Amino acid sequence: MLISKPKECFHQVTLWKREGKTIGFVPTMGALHSGHMALVERARNECDKVVVSIFVNPLQFGKNEDYHVYPRKPDEDVTLLKDAGVDLVFVPAAEDMYPEGFATKVVVAGPAQHYEGVSRPGHFEGVATVLIKLFNIIPADKAYFGLKDAQQVAVVKRMVQDLNVPVGIVVHPVVRDADGLALSSRNVYLEQKHVRDRANVIYRALMHLYRSYKQGIREANVLKEIAIEVLSSESDFILDYIDIVDPDRFVPLEDARDGSLVVVAGRLAGVRLIDALELYSG
């Protein structure tokens, strides 16, 4: 079913919960791709009912970012979700999520302070605010997120713990295209600029770093230089950051270890790309 009003959505989800159903929730901004659908499929396998939200959240976009041109295809998305067996699609209007007089936001620190928190001021505050609202509207048992947005995952986990939100956070591995590029709704920009075939430089860099890690190199600076050398081979790629971080605190590590994350962000032909890779030596 398709619902646009928060109170109606809350009523339906709480009705299922009274019936003893477990609820899986996948928050999205639409323009769905295989990465989103992997989250939906996992929720479908683990829960009795699956709810997906589609909402391009204005609070998490900066003044010079792409809110007004962000890919939107709601009719296609709803059809895709219905075909996938999603039980409820929540598509609210901005005025229902942020009515006149809206004046409350979630302040985040901890894992939100570095990397994307520096590159995109206010971004995680907007993410946290909309997610708290969605978690209240959709009181799910589990909420599903992709590891590509690894810092977002860390911020959400911290927020849920700090604010005693009764939802389990499930993290799904990065879903990639055939050449390794992490799937993203913004990848359509790469096609428009005819640079899609060069965007896999990030994945190639991550794989060089990973092979070196598996060969026994642990010094973070050495591993980063190995990746940067590959990234530098693509002259149009402008690196924002690359680092090896603790997955929960999202602070840099001097030495990589199993379970740590490589996080990278940069621009290719003006399109901002991010990626993350979990390190294991086995």
C-alpha atoms as a PDB file:
ATOM      1  CA  MET A   1       0.000   0.000   0.000  1.00  0.00           C
ATOM      2  CA  LEU A   2       1.040   3.589  -0.620  1.00  0.00           C
ATOM      3  CA  ILE A   3       0.712   6.097   2.232  1.00  0.00           C
ATOM      4  CA  SER A   4       1.734   9.745   2.269  1.00  0.00           C
ATOM      5  CA  LYS A   5       0.537  10.969   5.672  1.00  0.00           C
ATOM      6  CA  PRO A   6       2.698  10.295   8.761  1.00  0.00           C
ATOM      7  CA  LYS A   7      -0.230   9.550  11.108  1.00  0.00           C
ATOM      8  CA  GLU A   8      -1.733   7.029   8.681  1.00  0.00           C
ATOM      9  CA  CYS A   9       1.633   5.338   8.297  1.00  0.00           C
ATOM     10  CA  PHE A  10       2.142   5.146  12.069  1.00  0.00           C
ATOM     11  CA  HIS A  11      -1.360   3.730  12.528  1.00  0.00           C
ATOM     12  CA  GLN A  12      -0.792   0.957   9.987  1.00  0.00           C
ATOM     13  CA  VAL A  13       2.602  -0.054  11.353  1.00  0.00           C
ATOM     14  CA  THR A  14       1.396  -0.110  14.959  1.00  0.00           C
ATOM     15  CA  LEU A  15      -1.572  -2.222  13.869  1.00  0.00           C
ATOM     16  CA  TRP A  16       0.831  -4.814  12.445  1.00  0.00           C
ATOM     17  CA  LYS A  17       2.893  -4.714  15.626  1.00  0.00           C
ATOM     18  CA  ARG A  18      -0.201  -5.379  17.750  1.00  0.00           C
ATOM     19  CA  GLU A  19      -0.747  -8.438  15.562  1.00  0.00           C
ATOM     20  CA  GLY A  20       2.715  -9.642  16.511  1.00  0.00           C
ATOM     21  CA  LYS A  21       4.347  -8.888  13.160  1.00  0.00           C
ATOM     22  CA  THR A  22       8.012  -7.927  12.955  1.00  0.00           C
ATOM     23  CA  ILE A  23       8.669  -4.782  10.922  1.00  0.00           C
ATOM     24  CA  GLY A  24      11.654  -4.142   8.651  1.00  0.00           C
ATOM     25  CA  PHE A  25      12.228  -0.572   7.500  1.00  0.00           C
ATOM     26  CA  VAL A  26      14.355   0.657   4.587  1.00  0.00           C
ATOM     27  CA  PRO A  27      14.702   4.469   4.463  1.00  0.00           C
ATOM     28  CA  THR A  28      15.559   5.814   0.993  1.00  0.00           C
ATOM     29  CA  MET A  29      15.586   9.004  -1.025  1.00  0.00           C
ATOM     30  CA  GLY A  30      14.228   7.160  -4.050  1.00  0.00           C
ATOM     31  CA  ALA A  31      15.810   6.766  -7.497  1.00  0.00           C
ATOM     32  CA  LEU A  32      16.085   3.144  -6.460  1.00  0.00           C
ATOM     33  CA  HIS A  33      18.790   0.802  -7.717  1.00  0.00           C
ATOM     34  CA  SER A  34      20.012  -2.709  -6.963  1.00  0.00           C
ATOM     35  CA  GLY A  35      21.649  -1.562  -3.752  1.00  0.00           C
ATOM     36  CA  HIS A  36      18.327  -0.419  -2.333  1.00  0.00           C
ATOM     37  CA  MET A  37      16.649  -3.585  -3.522  1.00  0.00           C
ATOM     38  CA  ALA A  38      19.259  -5.725  -1.755  1.00  0.00           C
ATOM     39  CA  LEU A  39      18.213  -4.025   1.488  1.00  0.00           C
ATOM     40  CA  VAL A  40      14.563  -4.661   0.659  1.00  0.00           C
ATOM     41  CA  GLU A  41      15.243  -8.314  -0.062  1.00  0.00           C
ATOM     42  CA  ARG A  42      17.117  -8.753   3.194  1.00  0.00           C
ATOM     43  CA  ALA A  43      14.320  -7.080   5.142  1.00  0.00           C
ATOM     44  CA  ARG A  44      11.814  -9.308   3.352  1.00  0.00           C
ATOM     45  CA  ASN A  45      13.771 -12.401   4.428  1.00  0.00           C
ATOM     46  CA  GLU A  46      14.168 -11.296   8.044  1.00  0.00           C
ATOM     47  CA  CYS A  47      10.835  -9.619   8.876  1.00  0.00           C
ATOM     48  CA  ASP A  48       7.108 -10.236   8.519  1.00  0.00           C
ATOM     49  CA  LYS A  49       6.361  -6.808   7.043  1.00  0.00           C
ATOM     50  CA  VAL A  50       8.568  -4.455   5.049  1.00  0.00           C
ATOM     51  CA  VAL A  51       8.158  -0.678   4.935  1.00  0.00           C
ATOM     52  CA  VAL A  52      10.152   1.546   2.572  1.00  0.00           C
ATOM     53  CA  SER A  53      10.176   5.328   2.748  1.00  0.00           C
ATOM     54  CA  ILE A  54      10.906   7.571  -0.224  1.00  0.00           C
ATOM     55  CA  PHE A  55      11.755  11.108   0.807  1.00  0.00           C
ATOM     56  CA  VAL A  56      14.394  13.460  -0.582  1.00  0.00           C
ATOM     57  CA  ASN A  57      15.280  15.148   2.677  1.00  0.00           C
ATOM     58  CA  PRO A  58      16.067  18.851   2.217  1.00  0.00           C
ATOM     59  CA  LEU A  59      17.724  19.133   5.632  1.00  0.00           C
ATOM     60  CA  GLN A  60      20.704  16.992   4.628  1.00  0.00           C
ATOM     61  CA  PHE A  61      21.619  19.035   1.536  1.00  0.00           C
ATOM     62  CA  GLY A  62      23.931  22.032   1.669  1.00  0.00           C
ATOM     63  CA  LYS A  63      23.214  25.338  -0.076  1.00  0.00           C
ATOM     64  CA  ASN A  64      25.337  24.469  -3.101  1.00  0.00           C
ATOM     65  CA  GLU A  65      24.369  20.799  -3.313  1.00  0.00           C
ATOM     66  CA  ASP A  66      21.978  19.022  -5.646  1.00  0.00           C
ATOM     67  CA  TYR A  67      18.677  18.940  -3.734  1.00  0.00           C
ATOM     68  CA  HIS A  68      16.620  20.499  -6.547  1.00  0.00           C
ATOM     69  CA  VAL A  69      18.085  18.253  -9.252  1.00  0.00           C
ATOM     70  CA  TYR A  70      18.531  15.088  -7.180  1.00  0.00           C
ATOM     71  CA  PRO A  71      17.214  12.129  -9.257  1.00  0.00           C
ATOM     72  CA  ARG A  72      13.524  11.557  -8.651  1.00  0.00           C
ATOM     73  CA  LYS A  73      11.337   8.862 -10.234  1.00  0.00           C
ATOM     74  CA  PRO A  74       8.605   8.130  -7.687  1.00  0.00           C
ATOM     75  CA  ASP A  75       6.209   6.253  -9.972  1.00  0.00           C
ATOM     76  CA  GLU A  76       8.925   3.850 -11.129  1.00  0.00           C
ATOM     77  CA  ASP A  77      10.125   3.411  -7.557  1.00  0.00           C
ATOM     78  CA  VAL A  78       6.672   2.563  -6.209  1.00  0.00           C
ATOM     79  CA  THR A  79       6.090   0.034  -8.975  1.00  0.00           C
ATOM     80  CA  LEU A  80       9.472  -1.567  -8.307  1.00  0.00           C
ATOM     81  CA  LEU A  81       8.766  -1.846  -4.586  1.00  0.00           C
ATOM     82  CA  LYS A  82       5.297  -3.292  -5.081  1.00  0.00           C
ATOM     83  CA  ASP A  83       6.712  -5.896  -7.459  1.00  0.00           C
ATOM     84  CA  ALA A  84       9.300  -6.757  -4.790  1.00  0.00           C
ATOM     85  CA  GLY A  85       6.580  -7.502  -2.254  1.00  0.00           C
ATOM     86  CA  VAL A  86       6.988  -4.409  -0.075  1.00  0.00           C
ATOM     87  CA  ASP A  87       3.984  -4.088   2.214  1.00  0.00           C
ATOM     88  CA  LEU A  88       3.950  -0.314   2.689  1.00  0.00           C
ATOM     89  CA  VAL A  89       5.602   2.521   0.775  1.00  0.00           C
ATOM     90  CA  PHE A  90       5.689   5.801   2.704  1.00  0.00           C
ATOM     91  CA  VAL A  91       6.053   8.840   0.425  1.00  0.00           C
ATOM     92  CA  PRO A  92       5.518  11.981   2.508  1.00  0.00           C
ATOM     93  CA  ALA A  93       5.512  15.540   1.256  1.00  0.00           C
ATOM     94  CA  ALA A  94       8.110  17.959   2.616  1.00  0.00           C
ATOM     95  CA  GLU A  95       5.398  20.042   4.274  1.00  0.00           C
ATOM     96  CA  ASP A  96       4.185  16.992   6.206  1.00  0.00           C
ATOM     97  CA  MET A  97       7.672  16.184   7.467  1.00  0.00           C
ATOM     98  CA  TYR A  98       8.613  19.799   8.159  1.00  0.00           C
ATOM     99  CA  PRO A  99       5.416  21.787   8.717  1.00  0.00           C
ATOM    100  CA  GLU A 100       5.376  25.537   9.165  1.00  0.00           C
ATOM    101  CA  GLY A 101       7.065  26.463  12.426  1.00  0.00           C
ATOM    102  CA  PHE A 102       9.309  23.377  12.485  1.00  0.00           C
ATOM    103  CA  ALA A 103      12.130  24.310  14.873  1.00  0.00           C
ATOM    104  CA  THR A 104      13.743  21.156  16.290  1.00  0.00           C
ATOM    105  CA  LYS A 105      16.838  19.365  15.029  1.00  0.00           C
ATOM    106  CA  VAL A 106      19.091  16.598  16.292  1.00  0.00           C
ATOM    107  CA  VAL A 107      22.619  17.730  17.121  1.00  0.00           C
ATOM    108  CA  VAL A 108      25.245  15.076  16.379  1.00  0.00           C
ATOM    109  CA  ALA A 109      28.914  14.795  17.349  1.00  0.00           C
ATOM    110  CA  GLY A 110      31.138  11.766  17.912  1.00  0.00           C
ATOM    111  CA  PRO A 111      31.400   9.841  14.629  1.00  0.00           C
ATOM    112  CA  ALA A 112      29.830  12.774  12.733  1.00  0.00           C
ATOM    113  CA  GLN A 113      32.707  15.173  13.341  1.00  0.00           C
ATOM    114  CA  HIS A 114      35.162  14.230  10.583  1.00  0.00           C
ATOM    115  CA  TYR A 115      35.204  13.380   6.863  1.00  0.00           C
ATOM    116  CA  GLU A 116      31.655  13.918   5.527  1.00  0.00           C
ATOM    117  CA  GLY A 117      30.951  16.007   8.610  1.00  0.00           C
ATOM    118  CA  VAL A 118      33.653  18.436   7.486  1.00  0.00           C
ATOM    119  CA  SER A 119      33.015  18.188   3.742  1.00  0.00           C
ATOM    120  CA  ARG A 120      29.265  18.629   4.111  1.00  0.00           C
ATOM    121  CA  PRO A 121      28.503  20.853   7.133  1.00  0.00           C
ATOM    122  CA  GLY A 122      25.058  20.180   8.580  1.00  0.00           C
ATOM    123  CA  HIS A 123      24.612  17.002   6.539  1.00  0.00           C
ATOM    124  CA  PHE A 124      24.530  14.572   9.435  1.00  0.00           C
ATOM    125  CA  GLU A 125      22.335  16.873  11.494  1.00  0.00           C
ATOM    126  CA  GLY A 126      19.800  16.665   8.652  1.00  0.00           C
ATOM    127  CA  VAL A 127      20.191  12.886   8.376  1.00  0.00           C
ATOM    128  CA  ALA A 128      19.747  12.360  12.106  1.00  0.00           C
ATOM    129  CA  THR A 129      16.720  14.647  12.283  1.00  0.00           C
ATOM    130  CA  VAL A 130      14.834  12.961   9.464  1.00  0.00           C
ATOM    131  CA  LEU A 131      15.687   9.488  10.745  1.00  0.00           C
ATOM    132  CA  ILE A 132      14.427  10.230  14.246  1.00  0.00           C
ATOM    133  CA  LYS A 133      11.187  11.410  12.668  1.00  0.00           C
ATOM    134  CA  LEU A 134      10.978   8.312  10.457  1.00  0.00           C
ATOM    135  CA  PHE A 135      11.743   5.973  13.357  1.00  0.00           C
ATOM    136  CA  ASN A 136       8.851   7.583  15.262  1.00  0.00           C
ATOM    137  CA  ILE A 137       6.487   7.372  12.291  1.00  0.00           C
ATOM    138  CA  ILE A 138       7.581   3.805  11.472  1.00  0.00           C
ATOM    139  CA  PRO A 139       8.306   2.020  14.770  1.00  0.00           C
ATOM    140  CA  ALA A 140      10.206  -0.822  13.143  1.00  0.00           C
ATOM    141  CA  ASP A 141      12.079  -3.702  14.733  1.00  0.00           C
ATOM    142  CA  LYS A 142      14.958  -3.402  12.267  1.00  0.00           C
ATOM    143  CA  ALA A 143      16.168  -0.633   9.953  1.00  0.00           C
ATOM    144  CA  TYR A 144      18.428  -1.435   7.012  1.00  0.00           C
ATOM    145  CA  PHE A 145      21.385   0.614   5.749  1.00  0.00           C
ATOM    146  CA  GLY A 146      24.164   0.043   3.223  1.00  0.00           C
ATOM    147  CA  LEU A 147      27.846   0.097   4.179  1.00  0.00           C
ATOM    148  CA  LYS A 148      28.672   2.446   1.277  1.00  0.00           C
ATOM    149  CA  ASP A 149      27.480   5.269   3.521  1.00  0.00           C
ATOM    150  CA  ALA A 150      29.671   3.957   6.326  1.00  0.00           C
ATOM    151  CA  GLN A 151      29.902   7.180   8.303  1.00  0.00           C
ATOM    152  CA  GLN A 152      26.151   7.586   8.165  1.00  0.00           C
ATOM    153  CA  VAL A 153      25.846   4.078   9.588  1.00  0.00           C
ATOM    154  CA  ALA A 154      28.160   4.990  12.469  1.00  0.00           C
ATOM    155  CA  VAL A 155      26.210   8.189  13.165  1.00  0.00           C
ATOM    156  CA  VAL A 156      22.865   6.360  13.128  1.00  0.00           C
ATOM    157  CA  LYS A 157      24.122   3.608  15.425  1.00  0.00           C
ATOM    158  CA  ARG A 158      25.429   6.204  17.878  1.00  0.00           C
ATOM    159  CA  MET A 159      22.177   8.176  17.770  1.00  0.00           C
ATOM    160  CA  VAL A 160      20.005   5.106  18.296  1.00  0.00           C
ATOM    161  CA  GLN A 161      22.098   4.077  21.281  1.00  0.00           C
ATOM    162  CA  ASP A 162      22.323   7.556  22.800  1.00  0.00           C
ATOM    163  CA  LEU A 163      18.609   8.346  22.429  1.00  0.00           C
ATOM    164  CA  ASN A 164      17.347   4.853  23.351  1.00  0.00           C
ATOM    165  CA  VAL A 165      15.556   4.328  20.069  1.00  0.00           C
ATOM    166  CA  PRO A 166      14.176   0.754  20.105  1.00  0.00           C
ATOM    167  CA  VAL A 167      15.264  -0.279  16.620  1.00  0.00           C
ATOM    168  CA  GLY A 168      18.024  -2.627  15.506  1.00  0.00           C
ATOM    169  CA  ILE A 169      20.372  -1.263  12.839  1.00  0.00           C
ATOM    170  CA  VAL A 170      21.239  -3.823  10.156  1.00  0.00           C
ATOM    171  CA  VAL A 171      24.200  -3.031   7.896  1.00  0.00           C
ATOM    172  CA  HIS A 172      24.385  -4.615   4.455  1.00  0.00           C
ATOM    173  CA  PRO A 173      27.602  -4.927   2.423  1.00  0.00           C
ATOM    174  CA  VAL A 174      28.305  -2.461  -0.387  1.00  0.00           C
ATOM    175  CA  VAL A 175      26.477  -3.444  -3.574  1.00  0.00           C
ATOM    176  CA  ARG A 176      28.635  -2.844  -6.621  1.00  0.00           C
ATOM    177  CA  ASP A 177      28.308  -2.699 -10.380  1.00  0.00           C
ATOM    178  CA  ALA A 178      30.137  -5.259 -12.515  1.00  0.00           C
ATOM    179  CA  ASP A 179      33.296  -3.120 -12.582  1.00  0.00           C
ATOM    180  CA  GLY A 180      33.265  -2.507  -8.838  1.00  0.00           C
ATOM    181  CA  LEU A 181      31.721   0.966  -8.706  1.00  0.00           C
ATOM    182  CA  ALA A 182      29.534   1.289  -5.610  1.00  0.00           C
ATOM    183  CA  LEU A 183      25.909   1.733  -6.636  1.00  0.00           C
ATOM    184  CA  SER A 184      24.439   5.158  -5.955  1.00  0.00           C
ATOM    185  CA  SER A 185      21.474   7.141  -7.217  1.00  0.00           C
ATOM    186  CA  ARG A 186      23.928   9.891  -8.150  1.00  0.00           C
ATOM    187  CA  ASN A 187      25.755   7.593 -10.577  1.00  0.00           C
ATOM    188  CA  VAL A 188      23.311   8.802 -13.230  1.00  0.00           C
ATOM    189  CA  TYR A 189      25.344  12.030 -13.253  1.00  0.00           C
ATOM    190  CA  LEU A 190      28.366  10.024 -14.423  1.00  0.00           C
ATOM    191  CA  GLU A 191      26.406   8.780 -17.415  1.00  0.00           C
ATOM    192  CA  GLN A 192      25.281  12.309 -18.236  1.00  0.00           C
ATOM    193  CA  LYS A 193      28.879  13.538 -18.170  1.00  0.00           C
ATOM    194  CA  HIS A 194      30.166  10.490 -20.117  1.00  0.00           C
ATOM    195  CA  VAL A 195      32.715   9.539 -17.446  1.00  0.00           C
ATOM    196  CA  ARG A 196      31.086   6.396 -16.090  1.00  0.00           C
ATOM    197  CA  ASP A 197      33.795   4.099 -17.482  1.00  0.00           C
ATOM    198  CA  ARG A 198      36.482   5.978 -15.515  1.00  0.00           C
ATOM    199  CA  ALA A 199      34.714   5.974 -12.156  1.00  0.00           C
ATOM    200  CA  ASN A 200      35.944   2.523 -11.175  1.00  0.00           C
ATOM    201  CA  VAL A 201      39.314   4.071 -10.321  1.00  0.00           C
ATOM    202  CA  ILE A 202      38.076   4.173  -6.719  1.00  0.00           C
ATOM    203  CA  TYR A 203      37.423   0.440  -6.634  1.00  0.00           C
ATOM    204  CA  ARG A 204      40.769  -0.307  -8.280  1.00  0.00           C
ATOM    205  CA  ALA A 205      42.494   1.806  -5.632  1.00  0.00           C
ATOM    206  CA  LEU A 206      40.643   0.025  -2.844  1.00  0.00           C
ATOM    207  CA  MET A 207      41.585  -3.362  -4.255  1.00  0.00           C
ATOM    208  CA  HIS A 208      45.279  -2.423  -4.455  1.00  0.00           C
ATOM    209  CA  LEU A 209      45.119  -1.310  -0.833  1.00  0.00           C
ATOM    210  CA  TYR A 210      43.278  -4.469   0.204  1.00  0.00           C
ATOM    211  CA  ARG A 211      45.783  -6.775  -1.480  1.00  0.00           C
ATOM    212  CA  SER A 212      48.591  -4.985   0.325  1.00  0.00           C
ATOM    213  CA  TYR A 213      46.771  -5.371   3.629  1.00  0.00           C
ATOM    214  CA  LYS A 214      46.319  -9.090   3.045  1.00  0.00           C
ATOM    215  CA  GLN A 215      50.053  -9.322   2.294  1.00  0.00           C
ATOM    216  CA  GLY A 216      50.770  -8.023   5.779  1.00  0.00           C
ATOM    217  CA  ILE A 217      51.113  -4.252   5.462  1.00  0.00           C
ATOM    218  CA  ARG A 218      49.383  -2.569   8.406  1.00  0.00           C
ATOM    219  CA  GLU A 219      50.707   1.007   8.513  1.00  0.00           C
ATOM    220  CA  ALA A 220      47.759   3.195   7.539  1.00  0.00           C
ATOM    221  CA  ASN A 221      49.893   5.841   5.835  1.00  0.00           C
ATOM    222  CA  VAL A 222      51.603   3.245   3.659  1.00  0.00           C
ATOM    223  CA  LEU A 223      48.289   1.675   2.668  1.00  0.00           C
ATOM    224  CA  LYS A 224      46.795   5.066   1.850  1.00  0.00           C
ATOM    225  CA  GLU A 225      49.726   5.989  -0.393  1.00  0.00           C
ATOM    226  CA  ILE A 226      49.227   2.744  -2.306  1.00  0.00           C
ATOM    227  CA  ALA A 227      45.610   3.725  -2.970  1.00  0.00           C
ATOM    228  CA  ILE A 228      46.446   7.352  -3.743  1.00  0.00           C
ATOM    229  CA  GLU A 229      48.908   6.263  -6.418  1.00  0.00           C
ATOM    230  CA  VAL A 230      46.086   4.463  -8.230  1.00  0.00           C
ATOM    231  CA  LEU A 231      43.653   7.354  -7.756  1.00  0.00           C
ATOM    232  CA  SER A 232      46.259   9.722  -9.200  1.00  0.00           C
ATOM    233  CA  SER A 233      46.254   7.730 -12.425  1.00  0.00           C
ATOM    234  CA  GLU A 234      42.881   9.304 -13.244  1.00  0.00           C
ATOM    235  CA  SER A 235      43.740  12.941 -13.852  1.00  0.00           C
ATOM    236  CA  ASP A 236      40.143  14.152 -13.557  1.00  0.00           C
ATOM    237  CA  PHE A 237      39.604  12.571 -10.153  1.00  0.00           C
ATOM    238  CA  ILE A 238      39.948  15.073  -7.297  1.00  0.00           C
ATOM    239  CA  LEU A 239      40.481  13.358  -3.951  1.00  0.00           C
ATOM    240  CA  ASP A 240      38.620  14.756  -0.954  1.00  0.00           C
ATOM    241  CA  TYR A 241      39.881  12.236   1.600  1.00  0.00           C
ATOM    242  CA  ILE A 242      40.993   8.664   2.060  1.00  0.00           C
ATOM    243  CA  ASP A 243      41.580   7.175   5.477  1.00  0.00           C
ATOM    244  CA  ILE A 244      41.460   3.996   7.526  1.00  0.00           C
ATOM    245  CA  VAL A 245      39.087   4.399  10.437  1.00  0.00           C
ATOM    246  CA  ASP A 246      37.522   2.706  13.409  1.00  0.00           C
ATOM    247  CA  PRO A 247      34.035   1.718  12.157  1.00  0.00           C
ATOM    248  CA  ASP A 248      32.214   2.888  15.283  1.00  0.00           C
ATOM    249  CA  ARG A 249      34.077   6.006  16.436  1.00  0.00           C
ATOM    250  CA  PHE A 250      35.034   7.017  12.879  1.00  0.00           C
ATOM    251  CA  VAL A 251      38.442   8.298  13.872  1.00  0.00           C
ATOM    252  CA  PRO A 252      41.643   7.587  11.904  1.00  0.00           C
ATOM    253  CA  LEU A 253      43.836   4.639  12.842  1.00  0.00           C
ATOM    254  CA  GLU A 254      47.612   4.589  12.689  1.00  0.00           C
ATOM    255  CA  ASP A 255      47.577   0.874  11.918  1.00  0.00           C
ATOM    256  CA  ALA A 256      44.885  -0.999  10.043  1.00  0.00           C
ATOM    257  CA  ARG A 257      43.322  -4.056  11.632  1.00  0.00           C
ATOM    258  CA  ASP A 258      40.656  -6.567  10.778  1.00  0.00           C
ATOM    259  CA  GLY A 259      37.260  -4.890  10.882  1.00  0.00           C
ATOM    260  CA  SER A 260      38.600  -1.401  10.229  1.00  0.00           C
ATOM    261  CA  LEU A 261      37.215   0.561   7.288  1.00  0.00           C
ATOM    262  CA  VAL A 262      38.818   2.289   4.351  1.00  0.00           C
ATOM    263  CA  VAL A 263      36.727   5.343   3.498  1.00  0.00           C
ATOM    264  CA  VAL A 264      37.243   7.467   0.423  1.00  0.00           C
ATOM    265  CA  ALA A 265      35.534  10.424  -1.213  1.00  0.00           C
ATOM    266  CA  GLY A 266      36.303  12.550  -4.227  1.00  0.00           C
ATOM    267  CA  ARG A 267      34.955  14.108  -7.398  1.00  0.00           C
ATOM    268  CA  LEU A 268      35.074  12.951 -10.984  1.00  0.00           C
ATOM    269  CA  ALA A 269      33.916  15.539 -13.516  1.00  0.00           C
ATOM    270  CA  GLY A 270      32.231  17.351 -10.636  1.00  0.00           C
ATOM    271  CA  VAL A 271      30.301  14.284  -9.448  1.00  0.00           C
ATOM    272  CA  ARG A 272      30.949  13.460  -5.802  1.00  0.00           C
ATOM    273  CA  LEU A 273      31.586   9.778  -5.116  1.00  0.00           C
ATOM    274  CA  ILE A 274      32.068   7.953  -1.821  1.00  0.00           C
ATOM    275  CA  ASP A 275      32.975   4.374  -1.027  1.00  0.00           C
ATOM    276  CA  ALA A 276      33.924   2.172   1.898  1.00  0.00           C
ATOM    277  CA  LEU A 277      35.705  -1.167   2.268  1.00  0.00           C
ATOM    278  CA  GLU A 278      35.962  -3.384   5.319  1.00  0.00           C
ATOM    279  CA  LEU A 279      39.395  -4.933   5.872  1.00  0.00           C
ATOM    280  CA  TYR A 280      39.968  -8.586   6.732  1.00  0.00           C
ATOM    281  CA  SER A 281      43.165 -10.567   6.417  1.00  0.00           C
ATOM    282  CA  GLY A 282      41.519 -13.977   6.140  1.00  0.00           C
END
